[in-house]
Amino acid sequence: MLFEQDDAVIIEPQGTHKASIIWLHGLGADGHDFEAIVPELRLSAILGIRFIFPNAPIRPITINGKAEMRGWYDIKSSNLREMEDINSIIESSDLIHNYIDT
């Protein structure tokens, strides 16, 4: 069973929930990008796996001319020493930890 929320696409197991897989998309994509992979994995329903495909927040991405798109963190530069924005990494980390806790 597929549930779509603003912040995630969730595919519930057919039977009893026993495990969860949280799968993150890339820059500019969303949770729907990996939705089609679930049937391709051909996992037994006995495993009871819930798939959670979170949507990254929409934020300006500096390296892309500050275009707003889904991104787990801002990429400020192609220079590896300046590339990541620690505040948005922490924000996304908190979001993922909330899924794990749930």
N, C-alpha and C. Protein backbone atom coordinates (compact mmCIF):
# COMPACT_ATOMS: atom_id res chain seq x y z
N MET A 1 0.84 -1.17 0.00
CA MET A 1 0.00 0.00 0.00
C MET A 1 0.89 1.24 0.00
N LEU A 2 0.60 2.18 -0.88
CA LEU A 2 1.40 3.40 -1.06
C LEU A 2 0.71 4.57 -0.37
N PHE A 3 1.46 5.28 0.45
CA PHE A 3 0.98 6.52 1.06
C PHE A 3 1.90 7.63 0.60
N GLU A 4 1.30 8.75 0.25
CA GLU A 4 2.13 9.90 -0.12
C GLU A 4 1.82 11.02 0.85
N GLN A 5 2.86 11.57 1.42
CA GLN A 5 2.75 12.73 2.28
C GLN A 5 3.59 13.82 1.65
N ASP A 6 3.48 15.04 2.17
CA ASP A 6 4.32 16.12 1.64
C ASP A 6 5.79 15.82 1.86
N ASP A 7 6.09 15.11 2.95
CA ASP A 7 7.49 14.92 3.30
C ASP A 7 8.03 13.52 2.97
N ALA A 8 7.18 12.62 2.46
CA ALA A 8 7.67 11.26 2.15
C ALA A 8 6.68 10.47 1.32
N VAL A 9 7.22 9.50 0.60
CA VAL A 9 6.41 8.45 -0.04
C VAL A 9 6.67 7.20 0.80
N ILE A 10 5.60 6.58 1.28
CA ILE A 10 5.73 5.42 2.15
C ILE A 10 4.98 4.25 1.53
N ILE A 11 5.68 3.13 1.39
CA ILE A 11 5.07 1.91 0.90
C ILE A 11 5.02 0.93 2.06
N GLU A 12 3.81 0.65 2.50
CA GLU A 12 3.61 -0.24 3.65
C GLU A 12 3.73 -1.69 3.21
N PRO A 13 4.16 -2.56 4.12
CA PRO A 13 4.24 -3.99 3.79
C PRO A 13 2.84 -4.59 3.64
N GLN A 14 2.76 -5.69 2.93
CA GLN A 14 1.48 -6.37 2.75
C GLN A 14 1.02 -7.03 4.04
N GLY A 15 1.96 -7.49 4.83
CA GLY A 15 1.63 -8.14 6.09
C GLY A 15 2.10 -7.31 7.27
N THR A 16 2.52 -8.00 8.31
CA THR A 16 3.00 -7.36 9.52
C THR A 16 4.32 -6.63 9.28
N HIS A 17 4.39 -5.40 9.76
CA HIS A 17 5.61 -4.60 9.62
C HIS A 17 6.68 -5.16 10.56
N LYS A 18 7.84 -5.50 9.96
CA LYS A 18 8.96 -6.06 10.74
C LYS A 18 10.23 -5.22 10.60
N ALA A 19 10.35 -4.49 9.53
CA ALA A 19 11.57 -3.71 9.28
C ALA A 19 11.23 -2.52 8.38
N SER A 20 12.10 -1.53 8.42
CA SER A 20 11.93 -0.35 7.55
C SER A 20 13.22 -0.07 6.81
N ILE A 21 13.06 0.38 5.58
CA ILE A 21 14.19 0.85 4.79
C ILE A 21 13.91 2.31 4.46
N ILE A 22 14.84 3.18 4.82
CA ILE A 22 14.73 4.60 4.52
C ILE A 22 15.74 4.88 3.41
N TRP A 23 15.24 5.34 2.26
CA TRP A 23 16.06 5.49 1.06
C TRP A 23 16.02 6.96 0.64
N LEU A 24 17.16 7.61 0.58
CA LEU A 24 17.23 9.03 0.27
C LEU A 24 17.53 9.28 -1.20
N HIS A 25 16.85 10.26 -1.78
CA HIS A 25 17.05 10.63 -3.18
C HIS A 25 18.19 11.64 -3.32
N GLY A 26 18.53 11.94 -4.55
CA GLY A 26 19.59 12.90 -4.84
C GLY A 26 19.07 14.31 -5.03
N LEU A 27 19.97 15.23 -5.29
CA LEU A 27 19.67 16.65 -5.45
C LEU A 27 18.65 16.87 -6.56
N GLY A 28 17.59 17.62 -6.22
CA GLY A 28 16.57 17.99 -7.19
C GLY A 28 15.52 16.93 -7.44
N ALA A 29 15.70 15.75 -6.89
CA ALA A 29 14.74 14.66 -7.07
C ALA A 29 13.72 14.69 -5.94
N ASP A 30 12.92 13.64 -5.82
CA ASP A 30 12.02 13.51 -4.68
C ASP A 30 11.80 12.05 -4.36
N GLY A 31 10.96 11.77 -3.37
CA GLY A 31 10.73 10.42 -2.90
C GLY A 31 10.18 9.46 -3.95
N HIS A 32 9.57 10.00 -4.99
CA HIS A 32 9.02 9.13 -6.04
C HIS A 32 10.09 8.50 -6.91
N ASP A 33 11.30 9.03 -6.90
CA ASP A 33 12.34 8.55 -7.81
C ASP A 33 12.70 7.08 -7.63
N PHE A 34 12.58 6.56 -6.41
CA PHE A 34 12.95 5.17 -6.17
C PHE A 34 11.74 4.27 -5.90
N GLU A 35 10.57 4.83 -5.97
CA GLU A 35 9.34 4.08 -5.72
C GLU A 35 9.24 2.82 -6.60
N ALA A 36 9.61 2.93 -7.86
CA ALA A 36 9.50 1.81 -8.80
C ALA A 36 10.50 0.69 -8.53
N ILE A 37 11.49 0.95 -7.68
CA ILE A 37 12.51 -0.07 -7.41
C ILE A 37 11.95 -1.18 -6.51
N VAL A 38 10.95 -0.87 -5.71
CA VAL A 38 10.45 -1.84 -4.72
C VAL A 38 10.01 -3.15 -5.36
N PRO A 39 9.15 -3.15 -6.38
CA PRO A 39 8.79 -4.43 -6.99
C PRO A 39 9.96 -5.12 -7.68
N GLU A 40 10.92 -4.32 -8.18
CA GLU A 40 12.09 -4.89 -8.85
C GLU A 40 12.98 -5.67 -7.89
N LEU A 41 12.93 -5.34 -6.61
CA LEU A 41 13.73 -6.04 -5.61
C LEU A 41 13.23 -7.46 -5.35
N ARG A 42 11.97 -7.71 -5.67
CA ARG A 42 11.34 -9.04 -5.51
C ARG A 42 11.55 -9.61 -4.10
N LEU A 43 11.31 -8.77 -3.11
CA LEU A 43 11.45 -9.21 -1.72
C LEU A 43 10.18 -9.92 -1.27
N SER A 44 10.35 -10.95 -0.49
CA SER A 44 9.21 -11.71 0.02
C SER A 44 8.37 -10.85 0.96
N ALA A 45 7.05 -10.97 0.84
CA ALA A 45 6.14 -10.25 1.72
C ALA A 45 6.34 -10.67 3.18
N ILE A 46 6.87 -11.86 3.40
CA ILE A 46 7.12 -12.36 4.75
C ILE A 46 8.10 -11.45 5.50
N LEU A 47 8.96 -10.75 4.78
CA LEU A 47 9.93 -9.87 5.41
C LEU A 47 9.28 -8.67 6.09
N GLY A 48 8.10 -8.28 5.64
CA GLY A 48 7.37 -7.18 6.27
C GLY A 48 8.08 -5.85 6.23
N ILE A 49 8.62 -5.50 5.08
CA ILE A 49 9.43 -4.28 4.97
C ILE A 49 8.57 -3.08 4.56
N ARG A 50 8.71 -2.03 5.34
CA ARG A 50 8.11 -0.72 5.01
C ARG A 50 9.22 0.09 4.34
N PHE A 51 8.92 0.66 3.18
CA PHE A 51 9.86 1.52 2.48
C PHE A 51 9.45 2.97 2.71
N ILE A 52 10.40 3.77 3.13
CA ILE A 52 10.17 5.19 3.37
C ILE A 52 11.12 5.96 2.46
N PHE A 53 10.55 6.75 1.58
CA PHE A 53 11.31 7.58 0.65
C PHE A 53 11.04 9.04 1.00
N PRO A 54 11.82 9.61 1.93
CA PRO A 54 11.59 11.00 2.33
C PRO A 54 11.89 11.99 1.21
N ASN A 55 11.19 13.10 1.27
CA ASN A 55 11.47 14.23 0.37
C ASN A 55 12.37 15.21 1.11
N ALA A 56 13.48 15.56 0.52
CA ALA A 56 14.33 16.59 1.09
C ALA A 56 13.59 17.92 1.09
N PRO A 57 13.94 18.82 1.99
CA PRO A 57 13.33 20.15 1.96
C PRO A 57 13.66 20.88 0.66
N ILE A 58 12.78 21.77 0.27
CA ILE A 58 13.06 22.65 -0.87
C ILE A 58 13.86 23.83 -0.32
N ARG A 59 15.04 24.04 -0.92
CA ARG A 59 15.92 25.10 -0.43
C ARG A 59 16.71 25.66 -1.61
N PRO A 60 17.22 26.89 -1.50
CA PRO A 60 18.10 27.41 -2.54
C PRO A 60 19.43 26.65 -2.53
N ILE A 61 19.88 26.24 -3.68
CA ILE A 61 21.15 25.53 -3.82
C ILE A 61 22.14 26.49 -4.49
N THR A 62 23.10 26.95 -3.72
CA THR A 62 24.03 27.98 -4.15
C THR A 62 24.73 27.64 -5.45
N ILE A 63 25.26 26.41 -5.56
CA ILE A 63 26.02 26.03 -6.76
C ILE A 63 25.15 26.00 -8.02
N ASN A 64 23.83 25.94 -7.85
CA ASN A 64 22.90 25.95 -8.98
C ASN A 64 22.24 27.32 -9.13
N GLY A 65 23.00 28.38 -8.86
CA GLY A 65 22.48 29.74 -9.02
C GLY A 65 21.40 30.08 -8.02
N LYS A 66 21.42 29.42 -6.87
CA LYS A 66 20.43 29.60 -5.81
C LYS A 66 19.02 29.19 -6.23
N ALA A 67 18.94 28.35 -7.27
CA ALA A 67 17.63 27.81 -7.67
C ALA A 67 17.07 26.98 -6.53
N GLU A 68 15.78 27.13 -6.27
CA GLU A 68 15.15 26.35 -5.21
C GLU A 68 14.78 24.97 -5.72
N MET A 69 15.22 23.97 -4.99
CA MET A 69 14.96 22.58 -5.36
C MET A 69 15.10 21.73 -4.12
N ARG A 70 14.68 20.48 -4.22
CA ARG A 70 14.86 19.59 -3.09
C ARG A 70 16.34 19.25 -2.93
N GLY A 71 16.82 19.43 -1.71
CA GLY A 71 18.22 19.13 -1.41
C GLY A 71 18.37 18.86 0.07
N TRP A 72 19.17 17.87 0.39
CA TRP A 72 19.40 17.53 1.80
C TRP A 72 20.25 18.59 2.47
N TYR A 73 21.05 19.30 1.69
CA TYR A 73 21.86 20.40 2.20
C TYR A 73 22.26 21.29 1.04
N ASP A 74 22.62 22.53 1.36
CA ASP A 74 23.09 23.46 0.33
C ASP A 74 24.50 23.08 -0.08
N ILE A 75 24.76 23.12 -1.37
CA ILE A 75 26.11 22.93 -1.90
C ILE A 75 26.58 24.32 -2.32
N LYS A 76 27.53 24.82 -1.58
CA LYS A 76 27.94 26.20 -1.77
C LYS A 76 28.95 26.40 -2.89
N SER A 77 29.74 25.36 -3.18
CA SER A 77 30.84 25.52 -4.13
C SER A 77 31.30 24.15 -4.61
N SER A 78 31.99 24.13 -5.74
CA SER A 78 32.60 22.88 -6.19
C SER A 78 33.90 22.60 -5.43
N ASN A 79 34.37 23.59 -4.68
CA ASN A 79 35.54 23.42 -3.82
C ASN A 79 35.12 22.54 -2.64
N LEU A 80 35.73 21.38 -2.50
CA LEU A 80 35.32 20.43 -1.47
C LEU A 80 35.41 21.01 -0.06
N ARG A 81 36.25 21.99 0.16
CA ARG A 81 36.38 22.59 1.50
C ARG A 81 35.23 23.56 1.79
N GLU A 82 34.51 24.01 0.77
CA GLU A 82 33.43 24.98 0.94
C GLU A 82 32.08 24.42 0.51
N MET A 83 32.04 23.15 0.18
CA MET A 83 30.88 22.59 -0.51
C MET A 83 29.63 22.46 0.35
N GLU A 84 29.75 22.13 1.62
CA GLU A 84 28.58 21.75 2.40
C GLU A 84 28.19 22.82 3.40
N ASP A 85 26.91 22.86 3.67
CA ASP A 85 26.34 23.79 4.64
C ASP A 85 25.96 23.00 5.88
N ILE A 86 26.72 23.15 6.95
CA ILE A 86 26.55 22.35 8.15
C ILE A 86 25.15 22.50 8.76
N ASN A 87 24.57 23.70 8.70
CA ASN A 87 23.24 23.90 9.29
C ASN A 87 22.17 23.08 8.58
N SER A 88 22.22 23.04 7.24
CA SER A 88 21.21 22.26 6.53
C SER A 88 21.49 20.76 6.65
N ILE A 89 22.75 20.37 6.84
CA ILE A 89 23.06 18.96 7.09
C ILE A 89 22.46 18.53 8.42
N ILE A 90 22.59 19.36 9.43
CA ILE A 90 22.02 19.05 10.75
C ILE A 90 20.49 18.98 10.65
N GLU A 91 19.88 19.91 9.93
CA GLU A 91 18.43 19.92 9.75
C GLU A 91 17.96 18.62 9.09
N SER A 92 18.62 18.21 8.03
CA SER A 92 18.24 16.98 7.34
C SER A 92 18.51 15.75 8.21
N SER A 93 19.60 15.78 8.96
CA SER A 93 19.91 14.69 9.87
C SER A 93 18.80 14.53 10.91
N ASP A 94 18.31 15.63 11.44
CA ASP A 94 17.20 15.58 12.40
C ASP A 94 15.95 14.99 11.75
N LEU A 95 15.67 15.36 10.52
CA LEU A 95 14.51 14.84 9.81
C LEU A 95 14.62 13.32 9.67
N ILE A 96 15.78 12.82 9.26
CA ILE A 96 16.00 11.38 9.08
C ILE A 96 15.92 10.67 10.44
N HIS A 97 16.49 11.26 11.47
CA HIS A 97 16.40 10.63 12.80
C HIS A 97 14.95 10.53 13.27
N ASN A 98 14.10 11.49 12.89
CA ASN A 98 12.68 11.39 13.24
C ASN A 98 12.03 10.19 12.57
N TYR A 99 12.40 9.90 11.31
CA TYR A 99 11.87 8.70 10.66
C TYR A 99 12.37 7.44 11.37
N ILE A 100 13.63 7.42 11.75
CA ILE A 100 14.19 6.26 12.44
C ILE A 100 13.47 6.06 13.77
N ASP A 101 13.27 7.13 14.52
CA ASP A 101 12.59 7.03 15.81
C ASP A 101 11.15 6.55 15.68
N THR A 102 10.49 7.00 14.60
CA THR A 102 9.10 6.60 14.37
C THR A 102 9.02 5.14 13.98
